[in-house]
C-alpha atoms as a PDB file:
ATOM      1  CA  MET A   1     306.669  42.007 168.939  1.00  0.00           C
ATOM      2  CA  ALA A   2     309.675  44.065 168.133  1.00  0.00           C
ATOM      3  CA  ASP A   3     312.547  44.682 170.677  1.00  0.00           C
ATOM      4  CA  ASP A   4     312.013  48.411 172.030  1.00  0.00           C
ATOM      5  CA  GLY A   5     309.031  47.124 173.225  1.00  0.00           C
ATOM      6  CA  TYR A   6     306.539  48.521 170.708  1.00  0.00           C
ATOM      7  CA  VAL A   7     304.402  46.097 168.574  1.00  0.00           C
ATOM      8  CA  ARG A   8     303.070  46.673 165.113  1.00  0.00           C
ATOM      9  CA  VAL A   9     299.665  47.069 164.469  1.00  0.00           C
ATOM     10  CA  GLU A  10     297.967  48.109 161.152  1.00  0.00           C
ATOM     11  CA  ILE A  11     294.305  50.062 161.215  1.00  0.00           C
ATOM     12  CA  GLY A  12     291.838  49.363 158.207  1.00  0.00           C
ATOM     13  CA  LEU A  13     289.951  52.430 158.422  1.00  0.00           C
ATOM     14  CA  ASP A  14     286.652  53.325 156.218  1.00  0.00           C
ATOM     15  CA  GLY A  15     287.673  54.979 153.060  1.00  0.00           C
ATOM     16  CA  GLY A  16     290.266  52.451 152.463  1.00  0.00           C
ATOM     17  CA  GLN A  17     293.000  54.244 154.367  1.00  0.00           C
ATOM     18  CA  ILE A  18     295.379  51.824 156.431  1.00  0.00           C
ATOM     19  CA  LEU A  19     297.646  52.764 159.126  1.00  0.00           C
ATOM     20  CA  SER A  20     300.615  50.823 160.302  1.00  0.00           C
ATOM     21  CA  VAL A  21     302.271  51.669 163.639  1.00  0.00           C
ATOM     22  CA  LEU A  22     304.177  51.205 166.367  1.00  0.00           C
ATOM     23  CA  LEU A  23     302.145  51.200 169.764  1.00  0.00           C
ATOM     24  CA  THR A  24     303.205  50.162 172.718  1.00  0.00           C
ATOM     25  CA  ALA A  25     301.857  47.162 174.179  1.00  0.00           C
ATOM     26  CA  GLU A  26     299.719  48.664 176.225  1.00  0.00           C
ATOM     27  CA  SER A  27     298.136  50.666 173.738  1.00  0.00           C
ATOM     28  CA  ALA A  28     297.669  47.693 171.404  1.00  0.00           C
ATOM     29  CA  ALA A  29     296.150  45.941 173.887  1.00  0.00           C
ATOM     30  CA  GLY A  30     293.823  48.784 174.715  1.00  0.00           C
ATOM     31  CA  LEU A  31     292.843  48.833 171.199  1.00  0.00           C
ATOM     32  CA  GLU A  32     291.656  45.383 170.589  1.00  0.00           C
ATOM     33  CA  ARG A  33     289.833  45.409 174.383  1.00  0.00           C
ATOM     34  CA  SER A  34     287.987  48.461 172.896  1.00  0.00           C
ATOM     35  CA  LEU A  35     287.358  47.215 169.612  1.00  0.00           C
ATOM     36  CA  GLU A  36     286.000  43.937 170.749  1.00  0.00           C
ATOM     37  CA  GLY A  37     283.577  45.921 173.507  1.00  0.00           C
ATOM     38  CA  GLY A  38     282.606  48.269 170.796  1.00  0.00           C
ATOM     39  CA  ALA A  39     283.530  51.154 172.376  1.00  0.00           C
ATOM     40  CA  ALA A  40     282.855  54.479 170.336  1.00  0.00           C
ATOM     41  CA  GLY A  41     284.355  57.627 170.752  1.00  0.00           C
ATOM     42  CA  ALA A  42     288.218  57.991 170.327  1.00  0.00           C
ATOM     43  CA  LEU A  43     291.018  56.461 172.101  1.00  0.00           C
ATOM     44  CA  PRO A  44     294.403  57.801 172.657  1.00  0.00           C
ATOM     45  CA  LEU A  45     297.051  55.659 171.612  1.00  0.00           C
ATOM     46  CA  GLU A  46     301.209  55.858 172.184  1.00  0.00           C
ATOM     47  CA  ALA A  47     303.103  55.088 169.149  1.00  0.00           C
ATOM     48  CA  GLN A  48     306.712  55.279 169.118  1.00  0.00           C
ATOM     49  CA  ASP A  49     306.387  58.719 167.221  1.00  0.00           C
ATOM     50  CA  GLY A  50     303.921  60.534 169.499  1.00  0.00           C
ATOM     51  CA  ARG A  51     300.364  59.989 170.731  1.00  0.00           C
ATOM     52  CA  ILE A  52     297.829  59.100 168.332  1.00  0.00           C
ATOM     53  CA  HIS A  53     293.745  59.952 168.661  1.00  0.00           C
ATOM     54  CA  LEU A  54     292.229  57.072 166.795  1.00  0.00           C
ATOM     55  CA  MET A  55     288.065  57.425 166.250  1.00  0.00           C
ATOM     56  CA  LEU A  56     287.086  54.384 166.474  1.00  0.00           C
ATOM     57  CA  PRO A  57     283.726  54.149 163.982  1.00  0.00           C
ATOM     58  CA  ARG A  58     285.827  55.037 161.527  1.00  0.00           C
ATOM     59  CA  VAL A  59     287.675  51.707 162.037  1.00  0.00           C
ATOM     60  CA  LEU A  60     287.055  48.509 160.167  1.00  0.00           C
ATOM     61  CA  TYR A  61     289.824  46.286 161.730  1.00  0.00           C
ATOM     62  CA  ALA A  62     292.769  46.023 163.201  1.00  0.00           C
ATOM     63  CA  LYS A  63     296.114  43.488 162.650  1.00  0.00           C
ATOM     64  CA  ARG A  64     298.457  43.107 165.397  1.00  0.00           C
ATOM     65  CA  PHE A  65     301.732  41.611 163.892  1.00  0.00           C
ATOM     66  CA  ALA A  66     303.652  38.527 166.606  1.00  0.00           C
ATOM     67  CA  ARG A  67     306.496  39.595 165.576  1.00  0.00           C
ATOM     68  CA  GLU A  68     308.469  42.141 163.709  1.00  0.00           C
ATOM     69  CA  ALA A  69     309.892  41.215 159.880  1.00  0.00           C
ATOM     70  CA  ARG A  70     313.480  41.674 159.117  1.00  0.00           C
ATOM     71  CA  VAL A  71     314.655  41.752 156.081  1.00  0.00           C
ATOM     72  CA  GLY A  72     318.804  40.407 155.418  1.00  0.00           C
ATOM     73  CA  PHE A  73     321.550  38.353 158.179  1.00  0.00           C
ATOM     74  CA  GLY A  74     320.318  37.761 161.597  1.00  0.00           C
ATOM     75  CA  ASP A  75     322.971  38.214 164.452  1.00  0.00           C
END
């Protein structure tokens, strides 16, 4: 999870697009539950840069990253 309370999630959509966003932990968990349950329709997600309405039938995969990758020297 990112230090500021956001989780990086990569969402693969039909047509080949990939959406990489920082979601709140609650939104990331909601996305996982919706995909596991086979939900249809739109799912609102709270991202770092605003709200996203994701059309669930268009989602091919979702990858939740365990931690934020860092380049360079650490603290």
